[in-house]
Amino acid sequence: MESFEAGQTVVRREVHRSGRVWSEHALRVVADTPEALVAACSPGAETRWPALYAKARADGDRSARVEAFDAMATGVWELADAVWQETELLLWKPPTAWFSVNAFYTSAGLRNWYVHFERPSRRTPEGYDTFDLTVDLVIAPDLTGWEWKDEDEYAHVRRLGIVTDTEHQAVDAARDRVLAMLAERSGPFADAAAWTTWRWNRAWPPPRLPGRRRTAGA
């Protein structure tokens, strides 16, 4: 499949193994190379989330997140239209990696690095498909400290069978790889200064989902 062009809108979809869409997120391409796809969004970017997950974010109620995972295990959920809020996002996704490296920015600058552990990407005509495997790594802006996030939810989705033993092994290997990259200052961490000073291109409007199309998860 051909590379995406800088400035092009792409859609990051999370697709459950059942084939149902768990979420959609409109992004703009910053760069697309054999090493990684780099994409970004700003507040106002269009998304679709599971309705229970959207409620959890709106209410600050983590128990609703557990309900969302329980619904995921049953294969039955509803999606809700939403928009990205508060932060600018820059992400780095190698095609075969079980993770993506993300950076979140506020008006004060780089807030933190955030590593999602997720399935390798599968290119589509409109972007790529993956699936977030719940556990995350939060890294300080200056790369001097880090902490694991959502280990409790990861244990829950493991119990539910959402993350298989094979995927768990891949996540463990990916954790080691990311920590090695951080220690070696490789991957995006090799150019941390450029990432720290990055800002959304104001010539780009917030990306929109193509046609607000109906999907398998609707």
N, C-alpha and C. Protein backbone atom coordinates (compact mmCIF):
# COMPACT_ATOMS: atom_id res chain seq x y z
N MET A 1 0.84 -1.20 0.00
CA MET A 1 0.00 0.00 0.00
C MET A 1 0.88 1.24 0.00
N GLU A 2 0.47 2.27 -0.75
CA GLU A 2 1.26 3.48 -0.87
C GLU A 2 1.30 4.23 0.46
N SER A 3 2.36 5.05 0.61
CA SER A 3 2.50 5.86 1.80
C SER A 3 1.46 6.97 1.80
N PHE A 4 1.12 7.43 3.00
CA PHE A 4 0.23 8.58 3.14
C PHE A 4 1.06 9.87 2.99
N GLU A 5 0.41 10.91 2.51
CA GLU A 5 1.06 12.20 2.31
C GLU A 5 0.95 13.07 3.56
N ALA A 6 1.96 13.91 3.79
CA ALA A 6 1.91 14.85 4.91
C ALA A 6 0.68 15.75 4.76
N GLY A 7 -0.03 15.92 5.84
CA GLY A 7 -1.25 16.73 5.84
C GLY A 7 -2.50 15.95 5.55
N GLN A 8 -2.36 14.74 5.04
CA GLN A 8 -3.52 13.90 4.71
C GLN A 8 -4.24 13.46 5.99
N THR A 9 -5.56 13.40 5.95
CA THR A 9 -6.32 12.87 7.07
C THR A 9 -6.31 11.35 7.00
N VAL A 10 -6.02 10.72 8.14
CA VAL A 10 -6.11 9.27 8.25
C VAL A 10 -6.94 8.94 9.48
N VAL A 11 -7.45 7.72 9.53
CA VAL A 11 -8.28 7.29 10.64
C VAL A 11 -7.59 6.12 11.35
N ARG A 12 -7.34 6.32 12.62
CA ARG A 12 -6.86 5.23 13.48
C ARG A 12 -8.09 4.55 14.05
N ARG A 13 -8.27 3.28 13.72
CA ARG A 13 -9.40 2.52 14.24
C ARG A 13 -8.89 1.45 15.20
N GLU A 14 -9.60 1.28 16.30
CA GLU A 14 -9.38 0.11 17.13
C GLU A 14 -10.44 -0.92 16.74
N VAL A 15 -9.98 -2.09 16.34
CA VAL A 15 -10.88 -3.13 15.86
C VAL A 15 -10.73 -4.38 16.72
N HIS A 16 -11.82 -4.75 17.35
CA HIS A 16 -11.88 -5.95 18.19
C HIS A 16 -11.69 -7.18 17.32
N ARG A 17 -11.22 -8.27 17.91
CA ARG A 17 -10.98 -9.48 17.10
C ARG A 17 -12.26 -10.01 16.44
N SER A 18 -13.41 -9.58 16.95
CA SER A 18 -14.68 -9.96 16.32
C SER A 18 -14.89 -9.24 14.99
N GLY A 19 -14.08 -8.20 14.75
CA GLY A 19 -14.26 -7.37 13.57
C GLY A 19 -15.05 -6.11 13.83
N ARG A 20 -15.60 -5.97 15.04
CA ARG A 20 -16.35 -4.78 15.39
C ARG A 20 -15.40 -3.64 15.75
N VAL A 21 -15.79 -2.44 15.37
CA VAL A 21 -14.98 -1.26 15.64
C VAL A 21 -15.22 -0.79 17.08
N TRP A 22 -14.14 -0.63 17.81
CA TRP A 22 -14.20 -0.16 19.20
C TRP A 22 -14.07 1.36 19.27
N SER A 23 -13.25 1.94 18.39
CA SER A 23 -13.12 3.40 18.36
C SER A 23 -12.56 3.83 17.02
N GLU A 24 -12.75 5.12 16.70
CA GLU A 24 -12.18 5.75 15.52
C GLU A 24 -11.64 7.12 15.93
N HIS A 25 -10.52 7.49 15.34
CA HIS A 25 -9.88 8.76 15.70
C HIS A 25 -9.28 9.36 14.43
N ALA A 26 -9.73 10.56 14.06
CA ALA A 26 -9.21 11.25 12.88
C ALA A 26 -7.89 11.93 13.22
N LEU A 27 -6.88 11.72 12.37
CA LEU A 27 -5.54 12.27 12.57
C LEU A 27 -5.06 12.89 11.26
N ARG A 28 -4.03 13.73 11.35
CA ARG A 28 -3.35 14.21 10.15
C ARG A 28 -1.93 13.65 10.12
N VAL A 29 -1.49 13.27 8.93
CA VAL A 29 -0.16 12.69 8.78
C VAL A 29 0.89 13.79 8.86
N VAL A 30 1.89 13.56 9.70
CA VAL A 30 3.07 14.43 9.77
C VAL A 30 4.16 13.88 8.86
N ALA A 31 4.38 12.56 8.94
CA ALA A 31 5.36 11.88 8.08
C ALA A 31 4.99 10.41 8.03
N ASP A 32 5.32 9.77 6.92
CA ASP A 32 5.06 8.34 6.77
C ASP A 32 6.28 7.71 6.11
N THR A 33 7.03 6.94 6.87
CA THR A 33 8.26 6.32 6.40
C THR A 33 8.19 4.82 6.71
N PRO A 34 9.11 4.03 6.15
CA PRO A 34 9.13 2.61 6.51
C PRO A 34 9.32 2.38 8.00
N GLU A 35 9.98 3.31 8.69
CA GLU A 35 10.22 3.15 10.13
C GLU A 35 8.94 3.31 10.93
N ALA A 36 8.17 4.34 10.62
CA ALA A 36 6.97 4.62 11.43
C ALA A 36 6.07 5.63 10.73
N LEU A 37 4.79 5.54 11.07
CA LEU A 37 3.83 6.58 10.71
C LEU A 37 3.79 7.58 11.85
N VAL A 38 3.98 8.86 11.53
CA VAL A 38 3.87 9.92 12.53
C VAL A 38 2.62 10.72 12.18
N ALA A 39 1.70 10.83 13.12
CA ALA A 39 0.44 11.52 12.88
C ALA A 39 0.08 12.36 14.10
N ALA A 40 -0.87 13.27 13.91
CA ALA A 40 -1.17 14.22 14.97
C ALA A 40 -2.63 14.63 14.92
N CYS A 41 -3.08 15.23 16.02
CA CYS A 41 -4.40 15.86 16.03
C CYS A 41 -4.39 17.02 17.02
N SER A 42 -5.42 17.82 16.92
CA SER A 42 -5.59 18.97 17.81
C SER A 42 -6.98 18.89 18.42
N PRO A 43 -7.26 19.71 19.43
CA PRO A 43 -8.64 19.76 19.94
C PRO A 43 -9.62 20.03 18.81
N GLY A 44 -10.73 19.33 18.84
CA GLY A 44 -11.73 19.45 17.79
C GLY A 44 -11.68 18.31 16.79
N ALA A 45 -10.62 17.49 16.82
CA ALA A 45 -10.55 16.34 15.94
C ALA A 45 -11.71 15.40 16.25
N GLU A 46 -12.30 14.84 15.19
CA GLU A 46 -13.46 13.98 15.38
C GLU A 46 -13.05 12.57 15.80
N THR A 47 -13.82 12.01 16.71
CA THR A 47 -13.58 10.66 17.20
C THR A 47 -14.93 9.96 17.37
N ARG A 48 -14.87 8.66 17.55
CA ARG A 48 -16.02 7.88 18.00
C ARG A 48 -15.49 6.93 19.06
N TRP A 49 -16.18 6.89 20.20
CA TRP A 49 -15.77 6.06 21.32
C TRP A 49 -16.94 5.17 21.73
N PRO A 50 -16.66 4.07 22.45
CA PRO A 50 -17.77 3.35 23.09
C PRO A 50 -18.52 4.30 24.02
N ALA A 51 -19.84 4.22 24.00
CA ALA A 51 -20.64 5.16 24.79
C ALA A 51 -20.29 5.10 26.27
N LEU A 52 -20.06 3.89 26.80
CA LEU A 52 -19.72 3.77 28.23
C LEU A 52 -18.36 4.40 28.52
N TYR A 53 -17.42 4.26 27.61
CA TYR A 53 -16.10 4.84 27.80
C TYR A 53 -16.19 6.37 27.74
N ALA A 54 -17.00 6.88 26.81
CA ALA A 54 -17.20 8.32 26.72
C ALA A 54 -17.82 8.85 28.01
N LYS A 55 -18.76 8.10 28.58
CA LYS A 55 -19.38 8.50 29.84
C LYS A 55 -18.35 8.53 30.97
N ALA A 56 -17.49 7.54 31.01
CA ALA A 56 -16.45 7.49 32.04
C ALA A 56 -15.56 8.71 31.96
N ARG A 57 -15.18 9.12 30.73
CA ARG A 57 -14.33 10.29 30.55
C ARG A 57 -15.07 11.55 30.97
N ALA A 58 -16.34 11.65 30.61
CA ALA A 58 -17.10 12.86 30.92
C ALA A 58 -17.36 13.00 32.42
N ASP A 59 -17.63 11.87 33.09
CA ASP A 59 -17.99 11.90 34.51
C ASP A 59 -16.80 11.70 35.43
N GLY A 60 -15.66 11.32 34.89
CA GLY A 60 -14.51 11.00 35.73
C GLY A 60 -14.77 9.76 36.57
N ASP A 61 -15.58 8.84 36.06
CA ASP A 61 -16.00 7.65 36.80
C ASP A 61 -15.31 6.42 36.21
N ARG A 62 -14.29 5.93 36.86
CA ARG A 62 -13.53 4.80 36.34
C ARG A 62 -14.34 3.51 36.36
N SER A 63 -15.40 3.44 37.19
CA SER A 63 -16.21 2.23 37.21
C SER A 63 -16.90 2.01 35.87
N ALA A 64 -17.23 3.11 35.19
CA ALA A 64 -17.84 2.99 33.87
C ALA A 64 -16.86 2.43 32.86
N ARG A 65 -15.57 2.65 33.08
CA ARG A 65 -14.55 2.04 32.21
C ARG A 65 -14.58 0.52 32.36
N VAL A 66 -14.75 0.05 33.58
CA VAL A 66 -14.84 -1.39 33.80
C VAL A 66 -16.06 -1.95 33.08
N GLU A 67 -17.18 -1.22 33.15
CA GLU A 67 -18.38 -1.65 32.42
C GLU A 67 -18.10 -1.72 30.92
N ALA A 68 -17.32 -0.77 30.43
CA ALA A 68 -17.00 -0.77 29.00
C ALA A 68 -16.19 -2.01 28.62
N PHE A 69 -15.25 -2.39 29.47
CA PHE A 69 -14.47 -3.59 29.19
C PHE A 69 -15.34 -4.84 29.27
N ASP A 70 -16.26 -4.85 30.23
CA ASP A 70 -17.18 -5.99 30.32
C ASP A 70 -18.02 -6.10 29.05
N ALA A 71 -18.46 -4.94 28.52
CA ALA A 71 -19.22 -4.94 27.27
C ALA A 71 -18.34 -5.43 26.13
N MET A 72 -17.08 -5.02 26.13
CA MET A 72 -16.15 -5.47 25.10
C MET A 72 -16.07 -6.99 25.08
N ALA A 73 -16.03 -7.60 26.26
CA ALA A 73 -15.92 -9.06 26.35
C ALA A 73 -17.15 -9.75 25.76
N THR A 74 -18.32 -9.09 25.84
CA THR A 74 -19.54 -9.68 25.28
C THR A 74 -19.64 -9.45 23.77
N GLY A 75 -18.89 -8.48 23.26
CA GLY A 75 -18.96 -8.16 21.84
C GLY A 75 -20.11 -7.24 21.47
N VAL A 76 -20.77 -6.67 22.49
CA VAL A 76 -21.93 -5.80 22.23
C VAL A 76 -21.69 -4.44 22.89
N TRP A 77 -21.65 -3.38 22.07
CA TRP A 77 -21.50 -2.03 22.61
C TRP A 77 -22.01 -1.03 21.58
N GLU A 78 -22.21 0.19 22.04
CA GLU A 78 -22.63 1.29 21.18
C GLU A 78 -21.50 2.31 21.09
N LEU A 79 -21.37 2.93 19.92
CA LEU A 79 -20.39 3.99 19.74
C LEU A 79 -21.07 5.35 19.83
N ALA A 80 -20.34 6.33 20.36
CA ALA A 80 -20.85 7.69 20.49
C ALA A 80 -19.89 8.65 19.79
N ASP A 81 -20.45 9.61 19.05
CA ASP A 81 -19.63 10.64 18.43
C ASP A 81 -19.04 11.55 19.51
N ALA A 82 -17.80 11.98 19.29
CA ALA A 82 -17.13 12.86 20.24
C ALA A 82 -16.07 13.66 19.51
N VAL A 83 -15.44 14.58 20.22
CA VAL A 83 -14.31 15.32 19.68
C VAL A 83 -13.16 15.25 20.67
N TRP A 84 -11.95 15.27 20.13
CA TRP A 84 -10.74 15.32 20.96
C TRP A 84 -10.70 16.66 21.67
N GLN A 85 -10.31 16.65 22.95
CA GLN A 85 -10.34 17.86 23.74
C GLN A 85 -9.00 18.10 24.45
N GLU A 86 -8.75 19.36 24.75
CA GLU A 86 -7.72 19.84 25.68
C GLU A 86 -6.28 19.76 25.18
N THR A 87 -5.87 18.66 24.57
CA THR A 87 -4.46 18.51 24.22
C THR A 87 -4.25 18.35 22.72
N GLU A 88 -3.03 18.72 22.29
CA GLU A 88 -2.56 18.33 20.97
C GLU A 88 -1.81 17.00 21.13
N LEU A 89 -1.86 16.18 20.11
CA LEU A 89 -1.29 14.85 20.16
C LEU A 89 -0.37 14.63 18.97
N LEU A 90 0.81 14.08 19.24
CA LEU A 90 1.72 13.63 18.19
C LEU A 90 2.06 12.18 18.50
N LEU A 91 1.87 11.29 17.52
CA LEU A 91 2.12 9.87 17.78
C LEU A 91 3.06 9.27 16.75
N TRP A 92 3.76 8.25 17.18
CA TRP A 92 4.77 7.52 16.38
C TRP A 92 4.41 6.05 16.45
N LYS A 93 4.04 5.47 15.30
CA LYS A 93 3.56 4.09 15.28
C LYS A 93 4.36 3.27 14.26
N PRO A 94 5.34 2.47 14.72
CA PRO A 94 6.02 1.55 13.80
C PRO A 94 5.03 0.46 13.38
N PRO A 95 5.09 0.02 12.13
CA PRO A 95 4.04 -0.87 11.62
C PRO A 95 3.94 -2.22 12.32
N THR A 96 5.07 -2.79 12.74
CA THR A 96 5.03 -4.12 13.32
C THR A 96 5.14 -4.12 14.85
N ALA A 97 5.22 -2.94 15.44
CA ALA A 97 5.42 -2.84 16.89
C ALA A 97 4.12 -3.04 17.65
N TRP A 98 4.24 -3.60 18.85
CA TRP A 98 3.10 -3.78 19.74
C TRP A 98 2.94 -2.57 20.66
N PHE A 99 3.22 -1.40 20.14
CA PHE A 99 3.09 -0.17 20.93
C PHE A 99 3.12 1.02 19.98
N SER A 100 2.70 2.16 20.50
CA SER A 100 2.91 3.45 19.84
C SER A 100 3.42 4.42 20.89
N VAL A 101 4.27 5.35 20.48
CA VAL A 101 4.77 6.39 21.37
C VAL A 101 4.00 7.67 21.06
N ASN A 102 3.39 8.25 22.09
CA ASN A 102 2.56 9.44 21.93
C ASN A 102 3.10 10.57 22.80
N ALA A 103 2.91 11.79 22.33
CA ALA A 103 3.27 12.97 23.12
C ALA A 103 2.05 13.87 23.19
N PHE A 104 1.75 14.36 24.40
CA PHE A 104 0.59 15.22 24.62
C PHE A 104 1.07 16.62 25.00
N TYR A 105 0.42 17.62 24.40
CA TYR A 105 0.83 19.01 24.57
C TYR A 105 -0.34 19.86 25.05
N THR A 106 -0.04 20.75 25.98
CA THR A 106 -0.99 21.78 26.40
C THR A 106 -0.40 23.13 25.99
N SER A 107 -1.08 24.21 26.35
CA SER A 107 -0.57 25.54 26.02
C SER A 107 0.78 25.80 26.68
N ALA A 108 1.09 25.04 27.73
CA ALA A 108 2.37 25.21 28.43
C ALA A 108 3.49 24.41 27.78
N GLY A 109 3.16 23.59 26.79
CA GLY A 109 4.18 22.78 26.12
C GLY A 109 3.94 21.30 26.30
N LEU A 110 4.99 20.51 26.14
CA LEU A 110 4.88 19.06 26.25
C LEU A 110 4.48 18.67 27.66
N ARG A 111 3.34 18.00 27.78
CA ARG A 111 2.85 17.58 29.11
C ARG A 111 3.51 16.29 29.56
N ASN A 112 3.51 15.31 28.64
CA ASN A 112 4.14 14.02 28.94
C ASN A 112 4.20 13.17 27.67
N TRP A 113 5.06 12.16 27.72
CA TRP A 113 5.06 11.10 26.73
C TRP A 113 4.17 9.99 27.27
N TYR A 114 3.57 9.24 26.34
CA TYR A 114 2.60 8.24 26.76
C TYR A 114 2.68 7.08 25.77
N VAL A 115 3.03 5.92 26.25
CA VAL A 115 3.18 4.76 25.38
C VAL A 115 1.95 3.87 25.52
N HIS A 116 1.23 3.70 24.40
CA HIS A 116 0.13 2.75 24.34
C HIS A 116 0.69 1.40 23.90
N PHE A 117 0.35 0.35 24.61
CA PHE A 117 0.68 -0.99 24.15
C PHE A 117 -0.54 -1.51 23.39
N GLU A 118 -0.32 -1.87 22.14
CA GLU A 118 -1.41 -2.14 21.23
C GLU A 118 -0.95 -3.09 20.13
N ARG A 119 -1.90 -3.61 19.39
CA ARG A 119 -1.55 -4.54 18.33
C ARG A 119 -0.82 -3.83 17.19
N PRO A 120 0.00 -4.56 16.44
CA PRO A 120 0.63 -3.98 15.25
C PRO A 120 -0.43 -3.42 14.30
N SER A 121 -0.03 -2.43 13.54
CA SER A 121 -1.01 -1.77 12.67
C SER A 121 -1.26 -2.57 11.40
N ARG A 122 -2.46 -2.44 10.90
CA ARG A 122 -2.85 -3.00 9.60
C ARG A 122 -3.36 -1.84 8.76
N ARG A 123 -2.66 -1.54 7.68
CA ARG A 123 -3.02 -0.40 6.85
C ARG A 123 -4.38 -0.63 6.18
N THR A 124 -5.12 0.44 6.08
CA THR A 124 -6.39 0.46 5.35
C THR A 124 -6.33 1.62 4.37
N PRO A 125 -7.24 1.69 3.41
CA PRO A 125 -7.23 2.84 2.49
C PRO A 125 -7.36 4.18 3.19
N GLU A 126 -8.00 4.19 4.38
CA GLU A 126 -8.24 5.46 5.07
C GLU A 126 -7.32 5.68 6.26
N GLY A 127 -6.45 4.73 6.57
CA GLY A 127 -5.58 4.90 7.73
C GLY A 127 -5.00 3.58 8.18
N TYR A 128 -5.25 3.23 9.44
CA TYR A 128 -4.76 1.94 9.93
C TYR A 128 -5.62 1.45 11.08
N ASP A 129 -5.62 0.14 11.25
CA ASP A 129 -6.33 -0.51 12.34
C ASP A 129 -5.33 -1.05 13.36
N THR A 130 -5.71 -0.97 14.62
CA THR A 130 -4.92 -1.52 15.72
C THR A 130 -5.92 -1.88 16.82
N PHE A 131 -5.42 -2.14 18.02
CA PHE A 131 -6.31 -2.38 19.16
C PHE A 131 -5.51 -2.16 20.43
N ASP A 132 -5.97 -1.21 21.26
CA ASP A 132 -5.27 -0.86 22.50
C ASP A 132 -5.42 -2.00 23.50
N LEU A 133 -4.30 -2.44 24.07
CA LEU A 133 -4.30 -3.56 25.01
C LEU A 133 -4.25 -3.09 26.47
N THR A 134 -4.66 -1.85 26.70
CA THR A 134 -5.02 -1.30 28.01
C THR A 134 -3.84 -0.75 28.82
N VAL A 135 -2.78 -1.51 29.01
CA VAL A 135 -1.70 -1.03 29.86
C VAL A 135 -0.90 0.04 29.12
N ASP A 136 -0.41 1.05 29.88
CA ASP A 136 0.30 2.18 29.29
C ASP A 136 1.53 2.51 30.13
N LEU A 137 2.43 3.27 29.53
CA LEU A 137 3.61 3.78 30.22
C LEU A 137 3.61 5.30 30.07
N VAL A 138 3.65 6.01 31.19
CA VAL A 138 3.67 7.48 31.20
C VAL A 138 5.10 7.92 31.51
N ILE A 139 5.64 8.79 30.66
CA ILE A 139 7.04 9.21 30.76
C ILE A 139 7.09 10.72 30.94
N ALA A 140 7.95 11.18 31.83
CA ALA A 140 8.10 12.62 32.10
C ALA A 140 8.57 13.35 30.84
N PRO A 141 8.22 14.62 30.69
CA PRO A 141 8.61 15.36 29.48
C PRO A 141 10.11 15.34 29.21
N ASP A 142 10.90 15.38 30.28
CA ASP A 142 12.36 15.40 30.09
C ASP A 142 12.97 14.00 30.09
N LEU A 143 12.13 12.97 30.07
CA LEU A 143 12.55 11.56 30.00
C LEU A 143 13.26 11.07 31.25
N THR A 144 13.16 11.79 32.35
CA THR A 144 13.91 11.41 33.56
C THR A 144 13.15 10.45 34.46
N GLY A 145 11.87 10.22 34.20
CA GLY A 145 11.10 9.32 35.05
C GLY A 145 9.93 8.74 34.28
N TRP A 146 9.43 7.62 34.79
CA TRP A 146 8.30 6.98 34.13
C TRP A 146 7.54 6.15 35.14
N GLU A 147 6.28 5.81 34.80
CA GLU A 147 5.47 4.94 35.64
C GLU A 147 4.46 4.20 34.78
N TRP A 148 4.12 2.99 35.21
CA TRP A 148 3.10 2.20 34.51
C TRP A 148 1.72 2.72 34.90
N LYS A 149 0.79 2.62 33.96
CA LYS A 149 -0.57 3.10 34.18
C LYS A 149 -1.57 2.02 33.78
N ASP A 150 -2.66 1.92 34.53
CA ASP A 150 -3.79 1.03 34.24
C ASP A 150 -3.42 -0.45 34.33
N GLU A 151 -2.50 -0.79 35.22
CA GLU A 151 -2.18 -2.20 35.45
C GLU A 151 -3.40 -2.97 35.95
N ASP A 152 -4.25 -2.30 36.75
CA ASP A 152 -5.45 -2.97 37.27
C ASP A 152 -6.41 -3.30 36.13
N GLU A 153 -6.58 -2.37 35.20
CA GLU A 153 -7.46 -2.64 34.07
C GLU A 153 -6.86 -3.71 33.16
N TYR A 154 -5.57 -3.70 33.03
CA TYR A 154 -4.92 -4.74 32.22
C TYR A 154 -5.18 -6.12 32.83
N ALA A 155 -5.08 -6.24 34.15
CA ALA A 155 -5.37 -7.51 34.81
C ALA A 155 -6.82 -7.92 34.57
N HIS A 156 -7.72 -6.92 34.56
CA HIS A 156 -9.15 -7.21 34.34
C HIS A 156 -9.39 -7.74 32.93
N VAL A 157 -8.82 -7.08 31.93
CA VAL A 157 -9.05 -7.55 30.56
C VAL A 157 -8.36 -8.88 30.30
N ARG A 158 -7.30 -9.15 31.04
CA ARG A 158 -6.68 -10.48 30.96
C ARG A 158 -7.64 -11.53 31.49
N ARG A 159 -8.30 -11.23 32.63
CA ARG A 159 -9.25 -12.18 33.20
C ARG A 159 -10.43 -12.41 32.25
N LEU A 160 -10.83 -11.36 31.56
CA LEU A 160 -11.96 -11.46 30.64
C LEU A 160 -11.59 -12.18 29.35
N GLY A 161 -10.31 -12.40 29.12
CA GLY A 161 -9.88 -13.05 27.89
C GLY A 161 -9.76 -12.11 26.71
N ILE A 162 -9.87 -10.80 26.96
CA ILE A 162 -9.74 -9.83 25.87
C ILE A 162 -8.30 -9.79 25.37
N VAL A 163 -7.36 -9.87 26.31
CA VAL A 163 -5.94 -9.99 25.96
C VAL A 163 -5.55 -11.45 26.15
N THR A 164 -5.16 -12.09 25.07
CA THR A 164 -4.81 -13.51 25.11
C THR A 164 -3.42 -13.72 25.71
N ASP A 165 -3.09 -14.97 26.00
CA ASP A 165 -1.75 -15.28 26.51
C ASP A 165 -0.69 -14.89 25.49
N THR A 166 -0.95 -15.14 24.23
CA THR A 166 0.01 -14.77 23.18
C THR A 166 0.21 -13.26 23.13
N GLU A 167 -0.89 -12.51 23.22
CA GLU A 167 -0.77 -11.05 23.23
C GLU A 167 -0.06 -10.57 24.49
N HIS A 168 -0.33 -11.21 25.61
CA HIS A 168 0.35 -10.85 26.86
C HIS A 168 1.86 -11.01 26.71
N GLN A 169 2.29 -12.08 26.09
CA GLN A 169 3.72 -12.28 25.86
C GLN A 169 4.29 -11.19 24.96
N ALA A 170 3.52 -10.80 23.94
CA ALA A 170 3.96 -9.73 23.04
C ALA A 170 4.05 -8.40 23.78
N VAL A 171 3.10 -8.14 24.66
CA VAL A 171 3.13 -6.91 25.45
C VAL A 171 4.36 -6.90 26.37
N ASP A 172 4.64 -8.02 27.02
CA ASP A 172 5.82 -8.09 27.89
C ASP A 172 7.09 -7.78 27.11
N ALA A 173 7.22 -8.35 25.91
CA ALA A 173 8.39 -8.08 25.08
C ALA A 173 8.42 -6.61 24.66
N ALA A 174 7.25 -6.05 24.35
CA ALA A 174 7.18 -4.65 23.95
C ALA A 174 7.53 -3.72 25.11
N ARG A 175 7.14 -4.09 26.32
CA ARG A 175 7.53 -3.28 27.48
C ARG A 175 9.05 -3.18 27.56
N ASP A 176 9.72 -4.33 27.42
CA ASP A 176 11.19 -4.34 27.49
C ASP A 176 11.79 -3.50 26.38
N ARG A 177 11.20 -3.60 25.18
CA ARG A 177 11.74 -2.85 24.05
C ARG A 177 11.62 -1.35 24.29
N VAL A 178 10.47 -0.91 24.79
CA VAL A 178 10.27 0.52 25.02
C VAL A 178 11.21 1.04 26.09
N LEU A 179 11.38 0.29 27.17
CA LEU A 179 12.31 0.73 28.22
C LEU A 179 13.74 0.79 27.69
N ALA A 180 14.09 -0.14 26.81
CA ALA A 180 15.42 -0.11 26.19
C ALA A 180 15.56 1.12 25.30
N MET A 181 14.53 1.44 24.51
CA MET A 181 14.56 2.64 23.68
C MET A 181 14.73 3.89 24.53
N LEU A 182 14.05 3.91 25.66
CA LEU A 182 14.13 5.07 26.55
C LEU A 182 15.55 5.20 27.12
N ALA A 183 16.12 4.08 27.55
CA ALA A 183 17.47 4.11 28.10
C ALA A 183 18.51 4.49 27.05
N GLU A 184 18.30 4.01 25.83
CA GLU A 184 19.26 4.25 24.75
C GLU A 184 19.01 5.57 24.04
N ARG A 185 17.87 6.22 24.33
CA ARG A 185 17.44 7.41 23.60
C ARG A 185 17.37 7.12 22.10
N SER A 186 16.65 6.05 21.77
CA SER A 186 16.45 5.68 20.37
C SER A 186 14.99 5.88 19.99
N GLY A 187 14.65 5.62 18.70
CA GLY A 187 13.31 5.89 18.24
C GLY A 187 13.00 7.37 18.37
N PRO A 188 11.80 7.75 18.72
CA PRO A 188 11.49 9.18 18.86
C PRO A 188 12.27 9.85 19.98
N PHE A 189 12.71 9.06 20.97
CA PHE A 189 13.47 9.64 22.07
C PHE A 189 14.84 10.14 21.62
N ALA A 190 15.30 9.67 20.45
CA ALA A 190 16.58 10.15 19.92
C ALA A 190 16.47 11.61 19.48
N ASP A 191 15.26 12.05 19.18
CA ASP A 191 15.03 13.42 18.72
C ASP A 191 14.07 14.12 19.66
N ALA A 192 14.30 13.91 20.95
CA ALA A 192 13.36 14.43 21.95
C ALA A 192 13.24 15.95 21.89
N ALA A 193 14.31 16.63 21.56
CA ALA A 193 14.26 18.10 21.51
C ALA A 193 13.27 18.57 20.46
N ALA A 194 13.28 17.93 19.28
CA ALA A 194 12.34 18.31 18.23
C ALA A 194 10.91 17.99 18.64
N TRP A 195 10.71 16.85 19.31
CA TRP A 195 9.37 16.51 19.78
C TRP A 195 8.91 17.50 20.84
N THR A 196 9.82 17.94 21.69
CA THR A 196 9.45 18.86 22.76
C THR A 196 8.95 20.19 22.19
N THR A 197 9.54 20.64 21.09
CA THR A 197 9.18 21.94 20.53
C THR A 197 8.10 21.84 19.45
N TRP A 198 7.64 20.64 19.13
CA TRP A 198 6.61 20.48 18.09
C TRP A 198 5.32 21.17 18.49
N ARG A 199 4.66 21.74 17.50
CA ARG A 199 3.32 22.29 17.71
C ARG A 199 2.46 21.97 16.50
N TRP A 200 1.18 21.87 16.70
CA TRP A 200 0.22 21.63 15.64
C TRP A 200 0.34 22.71 14.57
N ASN A 201 0.30 22.30 13.32
CA ASN A 201 0.35 23.22 12.19
C ASN A 201 -0.98 23.97 12.10
N ARG A 202 -0.96 25.26 12.39
CA ARG A 202 -2.21 26.04 12.46
C ARG A 202 -2.88 26.17 11.10
N ALA A 203 -2.16 25.83 10.03
CA ALA A 203 -2.79 25.84 8.70
C ALA A 203 -3.71 24.65 8.51
N TRP A 204 -3.59 23.67 9.40
CA TRP A 204 -4.42 22.47 9.29
C TRP A 204 -5.65 22.60 10.20
N PRO A 205 -6.85 22.50 9.66
CA PRO A 205 -8.02 22.43 10.55
C PRO A 205 -8.04 21.09 11.27
N PRO A 206 -8.76 20.99 12.38
CA PRO A 206 -8.86 19.71 13.06
C PRO A 206 -9.38 18.63 12.11
N PRO A 207 -8.78 17.46 12.12
CA PRO A 207 -9.20 16.41 11.17
C PRO A 207 -10.59 15.87 11.47
N ARG A 208 -11.28 15.49 10.41
CA ARG A 208 -12.64 14.97 10.53
C ARG A 208 -12.68 13.52 10.06
N LEU A 209 -13.56 12.75 10.63
CA LEU A 209 -13.79 11.39 10.15
C LEU A 209 -14.47 11.45 8.79
N PRO A 210 -13.98 10.71 7.82
CA PRO A 210 -14.54 10.79 6.48
C PRO A 210 -16.03 10.44 6.45
N GLY A 211 -16.85 11.43 6.17
CA GLY A 211 -18.28 11.19 5.95
C GLY A 211 -19.05 10.73 7.16
N ARG A 212 -18.41 10.75 8.37
CA ARG A 212 -19.10 10.20 9.54
C ARG A 212 -19.77 8.90 9.18
N ARG A 213 -19.02 8.05 8.46
CA ARG A 213 -19.61 6.84 7.91
C ARG A 213 -20.05 5.89 9.01
N ARG A 214 -20.99 5.04 8.72
CA ARG A 214 -21.41 3.99 9.64
C ARG A 214 -20.42 2.85 9.55
N THR A 215 -20.11 2.26 10.68
CA THR A 215 -19.12 1.19 10.72
C THR A 215 -19.72 -0.05 11.34
N ALA A 216 -18.91 -1.11 11.36
CA ALA A 216 -19.38 -2.37 11.92
C ALA A 216 -19.71 -2.26 13.39
N GLY A 217 -19.15 -1.27 14.07
CA GLY A 217 -19.42 -1.14 15.50
C GLY A 217 -20.58 -0.23 15.81
N ALA A 218 -21.22 0.33 14.78
CA ALA A 218 -22.30 1.27 15.04
C ALA A 218 -23.56 0.55 15.49
